[in-house]
Amino acid sequence: MLTSKKRSPQRAQGAKRQTRADIEGAIQRAFFQMVSVHAGPDVLIWSCPNEGNRGKVQTAKLKAMGLLPGAADVIAIWEGGGLLIEFKSPEAYRTAHHGQSGAQQEFQGRAQRVGWPYVVVARWEDAWHQLEAHGAPLARVLRETPMTRFVVPSGAEAAAKECAAAARRGHL
């Protein structure tokens, strides 16, 4: 006779525990939803996908093509300025060095030595405020409206709900 082991309700439903990378990705996606709607044409913002599990050969090829361990998650540039942004989960942000690896700390130091501002944030709103504080030419709608009063794009709202659900489950 075959018997099956009981699984926790979460496992039985196929749910998996969110990792820090999942949470940080959700925060970054929420940020880019806001960027896509409200950043304006005079600022260029992109991500630097630097994480992931790769084999030794693939890693060597990427390093030969300029992959830099520890590089910031997001680069923002505009006439006369720029900002490097590292996203961390709220849980990681509360730890020493805001959860940065040694390579990320080294990158931050090098970037700041050559005059580039670098910030570590745990919420998309903080990243947006940092852009404003560093003089990024953002759309006026967010500068003139308190953050609690504007309409959040659907993708950002979904990412925020994803983060809130993870916090309720104790994964943050």
N, C-alpha and C. Protein backbone atom coordinates (compact mmCIF):
# COMPACT_ATOMS: atom_id res chain seq x y z
N MET A 1 0.83 -1.17 0.00
CA MET A 1 0.00 0.00 0.00
C MET A 1 0.88 1.24 0.00
N LEU A 2 0.59 2.18 -0.88
CA LEU A 2 1.35 3.41 -0.97
C LEU A 2 0.76 4.44 -0.02
N THR A 3 1.62 5.12 0.68
CA THR A 3 1.16 6.21 1.54
C THR A 3 1.92 7.47 1.14
N SER A 4 1.31 8.57 1.37
CA SER A 4 1.99 9.83 1.05
C SER A 4 2.24 10.60 2.33
N LYS A 5 3.32 11.32 2.33
CA LYS A 5 3.65 12.14 3.48
C LYS A 5 2.79 13.39 3.45
N LYS A 6 2.40 13.85 4.62
CA LYS A 6 1.63 15.09 4.69
C LYS A 6 2.57 16.26 4.46
N ARG A 7 2.10 17.20 3.72
CA ARG A 7 2.88 18.41 3.49
C ARG A 7 2.20 19.57 4.18
N SER A 8 2.97 20.60 4.43
CA SER A 8 2.37 21.79 5.02
C SER A 8 1.41 22.37 4.00
N PRO A 9 0.38 23.09 4.46
CA PRO A 9 -0.58 23.68 3.51
C PRO A 9 0.09 24.54 2.46
N GLN A 10 1.15 25.26 2.85
CA GLN A 10 1.84 26.12 1.90
C GLN A 10 2.50 25.29 0.80
N ARG A 11 3.16 24.21 1.16
CA ARG A 11 3.80 23.35 0.18
C ARG A 11 2.77 22.66 -0.70
N ALA A 12 1.67 22.21 -0.10
CA ALA A 12 0.65 21.50 -0.86
C ALA A 12 0.08 22.37 -1.96
N GLN A 13 0.04 23.66 -1.74
CA GLN A 13 -0.49 24.58 -2.74
C GLN A 13 0.57 24.98 -3.76
N GLY A 14 1.77 24.50 -3.60
CA GLY A 14 2.84 24.79 -4.55
C GLY A 14 3.54 26.11 -4.29
N ALA A 15 3.24 26.74 -3.15
CA ALA A 15 3.88 28.03 -2.86
C ALA A 15 5.30 27.79 -2.37
N LYS A 16 6.18 28.70 -2.69
CA LYS A 16 7.54 28.59 -2.19
C LYS A 16 7.88 29.83 -1.39
N ARG A 17 8.81 29.69 -0.50
CA ARG A 17 9.24 30.80 0.34
C ARG A 17 9.97 31.82 -0.54
N GLN A 18 9.62 33.09 -0.34
CA GLN A 18 10.29 34.12 -1.11
C GLN A 18 11.70 34.34 -0.60
N THR A 19 12.62 34.47 -1.51
CA THR A 19 14.00 34.75 -1.15
C THR A 19 14.21 36.26 -1.10
N ARG A 20 15.34 36.67 -0.57
CA ARG A 20 15.67 38.10 -0.59
C ARG A 20 15.69 38.63 -2.02
N ALA A 21 16.22 37.82 -2.93
CA ALA A 21 16.28 38.25 -4.33
C ALA A 21 14.86 38.47 -4.89
N ASP A 22 13.91 37.60 -4.51
CA ASP A 22 12.52 37.78 -4.96
C ASP A 22 11.96 39.10 -4.44
N ILE A 23 12.20 39.37 -3.16
CA ILE A 23 11.67 40.58 -2.54
C ILE A 23 12.33 41.82 -3.14
N GLU A 24 13.65 41.78 -3.27
CA GLU A 24 14.36 42.91 -3.86
C GLU A 24 13.91 43.13 -5.30
N GLY A 25 13.68 42.05 -6.03
CA GLY A 25 13.18 42.16 -7.40
C GLY A 25 11.81 42.81 -7.46
N ALA A 26 10.94 42.47 -6.51
CA ALA A 26 9.61 43.07 -6.47
C ALA A 26 9.70 44.58 -6.20
N ILE A 27 10.58 44.97 -5.30
CA ILE A 27 10.77 46.39 -5.00
C ILE A 27 11.31 47.11 -6.23
N GLN A 28 12.27 46.51 -6.89
CA GLN A 28 12.85 47.12 -8.09
C GLN A 28 11.83 47.21 -9.21
N ARG A 29 10.99 46.18 -9.37
CA ARG A 29 9.94 46.24 -10.40
C ARG A 29 8.95 47.37 -10.11
N ALA A 30 8.60 47.55 -8.84
CA ALA A 30 7.69 48.64 -8.47
C ALA A 30 8.33 49.99 -8.82
N PHE A 31 9.62 50.12 -8.54
CA PHE A 31 10.34 51.35 -8.88
C PHE A 31 10.29 51.61 -10.39
N PHE A 32 10.55 50.58 -11.18
CA PHE A 32 10.57 50.77 -12.63
C PHE A 32 9.17 51.00 -13.20
N GLN A 33 8.13 50.53 -12.52
CA GLN A 33 6.77 50.89 -12.95
C GLN A 33 6.58 52.40 -12.81
N MET A 34 7.05 52.97 -11.72
CA MET A 34 6.95 54.42 -11.52
C MET A 34 7.83 55.16 -12.52
N VAL A 35 9.01 54.65 -12.76
CA VAL A 35 9.91 55.27 -13.74
C VAL A 35 9.24 55.31 -15.11
N SER A 36 8.62 54.20 -15.50
CA SER A 36 8.02 54.14 -16.84
C SER A 36 6.89 55.14 -17.02
N VAL A 37 6.23 55.49 -15.94
CA VAL A 37 5.10 56.42 -16.02
C VAL A 37 5.51 57.85 -15.73
N HIS A 38 6.41 58.06 -14.75
CA HIS A 38 6.63 59.40 -14.23
C HIS A 38 8.05 59.97 -14.35
N ALA A 39 9.00 59.25 -14.89
CA ALA A 39 10.37 59.75 -14.86
C ALA A 39 10.61 60.95 -15.76
N GLY A 40 9.93 61.04 -16.86
CA GLY A 40 10.16 62.16 -17.76
C GLY A 40 11.28 61.85 -18.75
N PRO A 41 11.37 62.65 -19.81
CA PRO A 41 12.31 62.35 -20.89
C PRO A 41 13.76 62.76 -20.65
N ASP A 42 14.02 63.53 -19.60
CA ASP A 42 15.37 64.07 -19.41
C ASP A 42 16.22 63.30 -18.43
N VAL A 43 15.77 62.11 -18.06
CA VAL A 43 16.56 61.25 -17.17
C VAL A 43 16.56 59.85 -17.78
N LEU A 44 17.72 59.23 -17.78
CA LEU A 44 17.88 57.89 -18.33
C LEU A 44 18.17 56.95 -17.15
N ILE A 45 17.29 55.95 -16.96
CA ILE A 45 17.42 55.04 -15.82
C ILE A 45 17.35 53.61 -16.34
N TRP A 46 18.32 52.78 -15.94
CA TRP A 46 18.31 51.38 -16.36
C TRP A 46 18.89 50.51 -15.26
N SER A 47 18.61 49.21 -15.40
CA SER A 47 19.13 48.27 -14.41
C SER A 47 20.40 47.61 -14.92
N CYS A 48 21.18 47.13 -13.97
CA CYS A 48 22.41 46.41 -14.27
C CYS A 48 22.24 45.01 -13.69
N PRO A 49 21.63 44.09 -14.44
CA PRO A 49 21.41 42.74 -13.90
C PRO A 49 22.73 42.02 -13.68
N ASN A 50 23.14 42.00 -12.44
CA ASN A 50 24.47 41.52 -12.09
C ASN A 50 24.43 40.26 -11.24
N GLU A 51 23.20 39.82 -10.89
CA GLU A 51 23.10 38.66 -10.02
C GLU A 51 22.74 37.43 -10.85
N GLY A 52 22.73 36.32 -10.19
CA GLY A 52 22.35 35.09 -10.87
C GLY A 52 23.39 34.01 -10.71
N ASN A 53 22.94 32.79 -10.83
CA ASN A 53 23.84 31.65 -10.75
C ASN A 53 24.30 31.28 -12.16
N ARG A 54 25.58 31.37 -12.37
CA ARG A 54 26.14 31.06 -13.68
C ARG A 54 27.28 30.07 -13.50
N GLY A 55 27.55 29.36 -14.53
CA GLY A 55 28.70 28.47 -14.51
C GLY A 55 29.98 29.26 -14.63
N LYS A 56 31.10 28.60 -14.41
CA LYS A 56 32.41 29.27 -14.46
C LYS A 56 32.70 29.83 -15.84
N VAL A 57 32.34 29.09 -16.88
CA VAL A 57 32.62 29.55 -18.25
C VAL A 57 31.80 30.80 -18.57
N GLN A 58 30.50 30.76 -18.25
CA GLN A 58 29.64 31.92 -18.53
C GLN A 58 30.10 33.13 -17.72
N THR A 59 30.46 32.92 -16.46
CA THR A 59 30.94 34.02 -15.62
C THR A 59 32.21 34.62 -16.21
N ALA A 60 33.12 33.79 -16.65
CA ALA A 60 34.37 34.27 -17.25
C ALA A 60 34.09 35.09 -18.51
N LYS A 61 33.16 34.62 -19.33
CA LYS A 61 32.80 35.37 -20.56
C LYS A 61 32.22 36.73 -20.20
N LEU A 62 31.30 36.74 -19.23
CA LEU A 62 30.67 38.01 -18.84
C LEU A 62 31.67 38.98 -18.23
N LYS A 63 32.59 38.47 -17.42
CA LYS A 63 33.63 39.35 -16.86
C LYS A 63 34.51 39.92 -17.96
N ALA A 64 34.82 39.11 -18.98
CA ALA A 64 35.61 39.58 -20.11
C ALA A 64 34.87 40.66 -20.89
N MET A 65 33.52 40.62 -20.82
CA MET A 65 32.70 41.63 -21.51
C MET A 65 32.37 42.82 -20.61
N GLY A 66 32.96 42.85 -19.39
CA GLY A 66 32.80 44.02 -18.54
C GLY A 66 31.92 43.84 -17.32
N LEU A 67 31.44 42.64 -17.04
CA LEU A 67 30.66 42.41 -15.83
C LEU A 67 31.51 42.78 -14.63
N LEU A 68 30.95 43.57 -13.74
CA LEU A 68 31.69 44.04 -12.58
C LEU A 68 30.99 43.57 -11.31
N PRO A 69 31.58 42.65 -10.58
CA PRO A 69 30.95 42.18 -9.34
C PRO A 69 30.67 43.33 -8.38
N GLY A 70 29.48 43.32 -7.80
CA GLY A 70 29.13 44.35 -6.83
C GLY A 70 28.53 45.61 -7.42
N ALA A 71 28.42 45.70 -8.74
CA ALA A 71 27.87 46.92 -9.36
C ALA A 71 26.46 47.18 -8.85
N ALA A 72 26.08 48.44 -8.77
CA ALA A 72 24.76 48.84 -8.30
C ALA A 72 23.66 48.25 -9.18
N ASP A 73 22.48 48.06 -8.59
CA ASP A 73 21.35 47.50 -9.33
C ASP A 73 20.84 48.44 -10.42
N VAL A 74 20.85 49.74 -10.13
CA VAL A 74 20.25 50.72 -11.04
C VAL A 74 21.19 51.89 -11.24
N ILE A 75 21.26 52.36 -12.47
CA ILE A 75 22.04 53.54 -12.83
C ILE A 75 21.08 54.58 -13.38
N ALA A 76 21.18 55.78 -12.87
CA ALA A 76 20.35 56.89 -13.37
C ALA A 76 21.29 58.03 -13.75
N ILE A 77 21.12 58.56 -14.96
CA ILE A 77 21.93 59.70 -15.38
C ILE A 77 21.05 60.77 -15.99
N TRP A 78 21.48 61.99 -15.86
CA TRP A 78 20.80 63.13 -16.44
C TRP A 78 21.85 64.21 -16.63
N GLU A 79 21.51 65.24 -17.37
CA GLU A 79 22.48 66.30 -17.63
C GLU A 79 22.95 66.89 -16.31
N GLY A 80 24.24 66.79 -16.06
CA GLY A 80 24.83 67.35 -14.85
C GLY A 80 24.73 66.49 -13.62
N GLY A 81 24.28 65.24 -13.74
CA GLY A 81 24.19 64.43 -12.53
C GLY A 81 23.91 62.97 -12.78
N GLY A 82 23.85 62.24 -11.71
CA GLY A 82 23.56 60.82 -11.78
C GLY A 82 23.48 60.23 -10.40
N LEU A 83 23.02 58.99 -10.33
CA LEU A 83 22.87 58.30 -9.06
C LEU A 83 22.94 56.80 -9.29
N LEU A 84 23.63 56.11 -8.41
CA LEU A 84 23.69 54.65 -8.41
C LEU A 84 22.83 54.16 -7.25
N ILE A 85 21.94 53.20 -7.53
CA ILE A 85 20.99 52.73 -6.52
C ILE A 85 21.12 51.23 -6.33
N GLU A 86 21.25 50.81 -5.08
CA GLU A 86 21.26 49.40 -4.73
C GLU A 86 19.98 49.10 -3.94
N PHE A 87 19.20 48.13 -4.41
CA PHE A 87 17.97 47.75 -3.73
C PHE A 87 18.24 46.57 -2.81
N LYS A 88 17.70 46.64 -1.60
CA LYS A 88 17.81 45.56 -0.63
C LYS A 88 16.44 45.29 -0.02
N SER A 89 16.23 44.07 0.41
CA SER A 89 14.98 43.76 1.11
C SER A 89 15.00 44.49 2.44
N PRO A 90 13.82 44.79 3.00
CA PRO A 90 13.81 45.45 4.32
C PRO A 90 14.58 44.64 5.37
N GLU A 91 14.50 43.33 5.30
CA GLU A 91 15.22 42.47 6.25
C GLU A 91 16.73 42.67 6.10
N ALA A 92 17.23 42.63 4.88
CA ALA A 92 18.66 42.81 4.65
C ALA A 92 19.10 44.22 5.01
N TYR A 93 18.26 45.21 4.72
CA TYR A 93 18.60 46.61 4.96
C TYR A 93 18.86 46.87 6.44
N ARG A 94 18.20 46.11 7.30
CA ARG A 94 18.35 46.31 8.75
C ARG A 94 19.62 45.67 9.30
N THR A 95 20.40 44.99 8.47
CA THR A 95 21.62 44.33 8.93
C THR A 95 22.83 45.25 8.71
N ALA A 96 23.98 44.77 9.14
CA ALA A 96 25.22 45.54 8.96
C ALA A 96 25.44 45.84 7.48
N HIS A 97 25.88 47.02 7.19
CA HIS A 97 26.18 47.47 5.82
C HIS A 97 24.94 47.34 4.92
N HIS A 98 23.75 47.41 5.51
CA HIS A 98 22.49 47.31 4.76
C HIS A 98 22.43 46.06 3.90
N GLY A 99 23.07 45.00 4.34
CA GLY A 99 23.00 43.73 3.61
C GLY A 99 23.88 43.65 2.38
N GLN A 100 24.76 44.62 2.20
CA GLN A 100 25.64 44.60 1.02
C GLN A 100 26.74 43.55 1.18
N SER A 101 27.07 42.92 0.07
CA SER A 101 28.21 42.00 0.06
C SER A 101 29.51 42.82 0.07
N GLY A 102 30.60 42.13 0.27
CA GLY A 102 31.90 42.80 0.23
C GLY A 102 32.15 43.47 -1.11
N ALA A 103 31.78 42.78 -2.19
CA ALA A 103 31.96 43.34 -3.54
C ALA A 103 31.10 44.59 -3.72
N GLN A 104 29.90 44.60 -3.17
CA GLN A 104 29.03 45.77 -3.29
C GLN A 104 29.59 46.94 -2.48
N GLN A 105 30.12 46.66 -1.30
CA GLN A 105 30.73 47.72 -0.50
C GLN A 105 31.94 48.32 -1.21
N GLU A 106 32.73 47.44 -1.82
CA GLU A 106 33.90 47.91 -2.57
C GLU A 106 33.48 48.77 -3.76
N PHE A 107 32.46 48.32 -4.49
CA PHE A 107 31.96 49.10 -5.62
C PHE A 107 31.46 50.46 -5.15
N GLN A 108 30.70 50.48 -4.06
CA GLN A 108 30.19 51.74 -3.53
C GLN A 108 31.34 52.70 -3.23
N GLY A 109 32.37 52.20 -2.56
CA GLY A 109 33.51 53.04 -2.23
C GLY A 109 34.20 53.59 -3.47
N ARG A 110 34.40 52.74 -4.45
CA ARG A 110 35.05 53.18 -5.70
C ARG A 110 34.20 54.22 -6.42
N ALA A 111 32.88 53.98 -6.47
CA ALA A 111 31.99 54.92 -7.16
C ALA A 111 32.01 56.28 -6.46
N GLN A 112 31.97 56.26 -5.15
CA GLN A 112 31.97 57.53 -4.41
C GLN A 112 33.31 58.25 -4.52
N ARG A 113 34.40 57.49 -4.60
CA ARG A 113 35.73 58.13 -4.75
C ARG A 113 35.84 58.87 -6.08
N VAL A 114 35.14 58.40 -7.12
CA VAL A 114 35.20 59.09 -8.41
C VAL A 114 34.02 60.07 -8.58
N GLY A 115 33.30 60.33 -7.48
CA GLY A 115 32.30 61.39 -7.50
C GLY A 115 30.87 60.98 -7.82
N TRP A 116 30.57 59.69 -7.85
CA TRP A 116 29.20 59.25 -8.13
C TRP A 116 28.46 58.97 -6.84
N PRO A 117 27.32 59.63 -6.63
CA PRO A 117 26.53 59.32 -5.44
C PRO A 117 25.95 57.91 -5.54
N TYR A 118 25.90 57.23 -4.40
CA TYR A 118 25.46 55.84 -4.33
C TYR A 118 24.58 55.71 -3.10
N VAL A 119 23.40 55.11 -3.27
CA VAL A 119 22.49 54.92 -2.15
C VAL A 119 22.02 53.47 -2.09
N VAL A 120 21.70 53.03 -0.88
CA VAL A 120 21.09 51.72 -0.67
C VAL A 120 19.70 51.98 -0.13
N VAL A 121 18.68 51.37 -0.75
CA VAL A 121 17.30 51.60 -0.34
C VAL A 121 16.57 50.26 -0.16
N ALA A 122 15.50 50.30 0.64
CA ALA A 122 14.70 49.11 0.88
C ALA A 122 13.26 49.29 0.39
N ARG A 123 12.95 50.45 -0.17
CA ARG A 123 11.59 50.70 -0.69
C ARG A 123 11.72 51.49 -1.99
N TRP A 124 10.79 51.27 -2.93
CA TRP A 124 10.86 52.01 -4.19
C TRP A 124 10.67 53.50 -3.94
N GLU A 125 9.85 53.85 -2.92
CA GLU A 125 9.62 55.27 -2.62
C GLU A 125 10.92 55.94 -2.21
N ASP A 126 11.75 55.23 -1.46
CA ASP A 126 13.03 55.80 -1.04
C ASP A 126 13.94 56.05 -2.24
N ALA A 127 13.93 55.13 -3.20
CA ALA A 127 14.73 55.33 -4.42
C ALA A 127 14.25 56.58 -5.16
N TRP A 128 12.94 56.73 -5.25
CA TRP A 128 12.37 57.90 -5.94
C TRP A 128 12.77 59.19 -5.23
N HIS A 129 12.66 59.20 -3.90
CA HIS A 129 13.04 60.39 -3.13
C HIS A 129 14.52 60.70 -3.28
N GLN A 130 15.35 59.66 -3.36
CA GLN A 130 16.79 59.88 -3.55
C GLN A 130 17.06 60.52 -4.92
N LEU A 131 16.34 60.08 -5.95
CA LEU A 131 16.49 60.72 -7.26
C LEU A 131 16.17 62.20 -7.17
N GLU A 132 15.05 62.51 -6.51
CA GLU A 132 14.68 63.92 -6.33
C GLU A 132 15.76 64.69 -5.57
N ALA A 133 16.23 64.09 -4.47
CA ALA A 133 17.22 64.76 -3.62
C ALA A 133 18.53 65.02 -4.36
N HIS A 134 18.85 64.18 -5.34
CA HIS A 134 20.08 64.36 -6.12
C HIS A 134 19.87 65.18 -7.38
N GLY A 135 18.68 65.74 -7.56
CA GLY A 135 18.44 66.68 -8.67
C GLY A 135 18.00 66.07 -9.98
N ALA A 136 17.51 64.84 -9.98
CA ALA A 136 17.04 64.23 -11.23
C ALA A 136 15.83 65.00 -11.74
N PRO A 137 15.78 65.27 -13.04
CA PRO A 137 14.64 66.00 -13.63
C PRO A 137 13.43 65.08 -13.81
N LEU A 138 12.72 64.84 -12.71
CA LEU A 138 11.57 63.94 -12.74
C LEU A 138 10.31 64.68 -13.14
N ALA A 139 9.30 63.94 -13.53
CA ALA A 139 8.02 64.55 -13.90
C ALA A 139 7.47 65.34 -12.71
N ARG A 140 6.83 66.44 -13.00
CA ARG A 140 6.35 67.34 -11.95
C ARG A 140 5.25 66.72 -11.10
N VAL A 141 4.51 65.80 -11.63
CA VAL A 141 3.36 65.27 -10.91
C VAL A 141 3.77 64.71 -9.54
N LEU A 142 4.91 64.08 -9.43
CA LEU A 142 5.32 63.51 -8.15
C LEU A 142 6.01 64.53 -7.26
N ARG A 143 6.62 65.54 -7.85
CA ARG A 143 7.26 66.56 -7.03
C ARG A 143 6.23 67.44 -6.34
N GLU A 144 5.09 67.63 -6.97
CA GLU A 144 4.09 68.54 -6.43
C GLU A 144 2.99 67.83 -5.64
N THR A 145 3.01 66.53 -5.61
CA THR A 145 1.98 65.77 -4.93
C THR A 145 2.62 64.89 -3.87
N PRO A 146 2.11 64.91 -2.64
CA PRO A 146 2.68 64.01 -1.63
C PRO A 146 2.62 62.56 -2.10
N MET A 147 3.62 61.78 -1.72
CA MET A 147 3.71 60.39 -2.20
C MET A 147 2.47 59.57 -1.88
N THR A 148 1.73 59.93 -0.86
CA THR A 148 0.56 59.13 -0.47
C THR A 148 -0.66 59.45 -1.31
N ARG A 149 -0.58 60.44 -2.21
CA ARG A 149 -1.78 60.88 -2.90
C ARG A 149 -1.79 60.60 -4.40
N PHE A 150 -0.75 60.07 -4.96
CA PHE A 150 -0.77 59.84 -6.40
C PHE A 150 -1.20 58.43 -6.73
N VAL A 151 -1.59 58.21 -7.96
CA VAL A 151 -2.04 56.90 -8.39
C VAL A 151 -0.83 56.04 -8.74
N VAL A 152 -0.77 54.87 -8.15
CA VAL A 152 0.34 53.95 -8.39
C VAL A 152 -0.03 53.08 -9.58
N PRO A 153 0.84 52.93 -10.58
CA PRO A 153 0.55 52.05 -11.71
C PRO A 153 0.28 50.63 -11.23
N SER A 154 -0.52 49.91 -11.97
CA SER A 154 -0.97 48.57 -11.54
C SER A 154 0.19 47.63 -11.24
N GLY A 155 1.24 47.65 -12.02
CA GLY A 155 2.38 46.77 -11.78
C GLY A 155 3.08 47.09 -10.47
N ALA A 156 3.20 48.37 -10.15
CA ALA A 156 3.84 48.77 -8.90
C ALA A 156 2.96 48.37 -7.73
N GLU A 157 1.67 48.52 -7.89
CA GLU A 157 0.75 48.13 -6.82
C GLU A 157 0.86 46.63 -6.56
N ALA A 158 0.94 45.85 -7.61
CA ALA A 158 1.07 44.40 -7.46
C ALA A 158 2.37 44.04 -6.76
N ALA A 159 3.46 44.71 -7.11
CA ALA A 159 4.74 44.44 -6.47
C ALA A 159 4.70 44.84 -5.00
N ALA A 160 4.04 45.96 -4.69
CA ALA A 160 3.91 46.39 -3.30
C ALA A 160 3.09 45.39 -2.50
N LYS A 161 2.02 44.87 -3.10
CA LYS A 161 1.21 43.86 -2.42
C LYS A 161 2.01 42.58 -2.20
N GLU A 162 2.85 42.23 -3.17
CA GLU A 162 3.71 41.05 -3.05
C GLU A 162 4.66 41.20 -1.86
N CYS A 163 5.22 42.40 -1.68
CA CYS A 163 6.12 42.66 -0.56
C CYS A 163 5.36 42.62 0.77
N ALA A 164 4.16 43.20 0.78
CA ALA A 164 3.35 43.21 2.00
C ALA A 164 2.96 41.79 2.39
N ALA A 165 2.61 40.97 1.42
CA ALA A 165 2.25 39.57 1.70
C ALA A 165 3.44 38.81 2.28
N ALA A 166 4.62 39.06 1.75
CA ALA A 166 5.83 38.41 2.27
C ALA A 166 6.07 38.84 3.71
N ALA A 167 5.83 40.11 4.01
CA ALA A 167 6.02 40.60 5.38
C ALA A 167 5.03 39.93 6.33
N ARG A 168 3.79 39.78 5.89
CA ARG A 168 2.78 39.13 6.74
C ARG A 168 3.14 37.67 7.01
N ARG A 169 3.76 37.02 6.04
CA ARG A 169 4.16 35.61 6.21
C ARG A 169 5.44 35.50 7.03
N GLY A 170 6.02 36.64 7.39
CA GLY A 170 7.25 36.62 8.19
C GLY A 170 8.50 36.39 7.37
N HIS A 171 8.45 36.65 6.07
CA HIS A 171 9.61 36.43 5.21
C HIS A 171 10.43 37.70 5.02
N LEU A 172 10.08 38.76 5.69
CA LEU A 172 10.89 39.99 5.60
C LEU A 172 11.61 40.24 6.89
